[in-house]
Amino acid sequence: MATIVPPRERVCERCGRADIWDEESENWVVADDPGDPFCLHDWDINGTYNPVDE
């Protein structure tokens, strides 16, 4: 049986904002610098991440 493994971190390619997944609140939280508050974040999601762990 396959297990789905969600991402634990993401980085905006436009402003550099980094977020991490908070298990307790079940939500993304800002890791450090909040980046540009007006940025339409372009998260570093590409075809290399595979959420299926077999």
Protein backbone atom coordinates (compact mmCIF):
# COMPACT_ATOMS: atom_id res chain seq x y z
CA MET A 1 0.00 0.00 0.00
CA ALA A 2 1.34 3.44 -0.93
CA THR A 3 1.60 6.29 1.58
CA ILE A 4 1.03 9.94 0.64
CA VAL A 5 3.79 12.20 2.00
CA PRO A 6 2.90 15.91 1.84
CA PRO A 7 5.61 18.57 1.43
CA ARG A 8 7.07 20.02 4.65
CA GLU A 9 8.55 23.24 3.24
CA ARG A 10 8.09 25.59 0.31
CA VAL A 11 9.84 28.72 -0.99
CA CYS A 12 8.39 31.51 -3.14
CA GLU A 13 10.42 31.90 -6.35
CA ARG A 14 9.46 35.59 -6.62
CA CYS A 15 10.15 37.07 -3.15
CA GLY A 16 12.06 34.28 -1.36
CA ARG A 17 9.54 33.75 1.44
CA ALA A 18 9.99 30.33 3.06
CA ASP A 19 7.12 28.48 4.74
CA ILE A 20 7.16 25.28 6.79
CA TRP A 21 4.30 22.94 7.64
CA ASP A 22 3.17 23.12 11.28
CA GLU A 23 1.75 19.78 12.40
CA GLU A 24 0.06 21.24 15.48
CA SER A 25 -1.99 23.88 13.63
CA GLU A 26 -2.15 21.81 10.41
CA ASN A 27 -1.22 24.91 8.41
CA TRP A 28 1.70 26.59 6.65
CA VAL A 29 3.62 29.11 8.78
CA VAL A 30 6.30 31.61 7.76
CA ALA A 31 9.75 30.21 8.55
CA ASP A 32 11.65 33.49 8.76
CA ASP A 33 11.43 36.64 6.57
CA PRO A 34 7.79 37.22 5.50
CA GLY A 35 8.92 38.41 2.06
CA ASP A 36 6.82 40.85 0.05
CA PRO A 37 3.29 41.06 1.55
CA PHE A 38 1.88 41.97 -1.89
CA CYS A 39 3.56 39.10 -3.74
CA LEU A 40 1.35 36.57 -5.54
CA HIS A 41 3.51 33.71 -4.30
CA ASP A 42 4.91 31.35 -6.90
CA TRP A 43 5.83 28.31 -4.80
CA ASP A 44 8.74 26.15 -5.91
CA ILE A 45 6.54 23.29 -7.05
CA ASN A 46 7.85 21.39 -10.04
CA GLY A 47 7.74 17.91 -11.46
CA THR A 48 10.48 16.51 -9.22
CA TYR A 49 8.44 16.21 -6.00
CA ASN A 50 6.66 12.87 -5.63
CA PRO A 51 4.13 12.67 -2.77
CA VAL A 52 3.79 8.87 -3.07
CA ASP A 53 6.11 6.85 -0.82
CA GLU A 54 6.04 3.14 -1.58
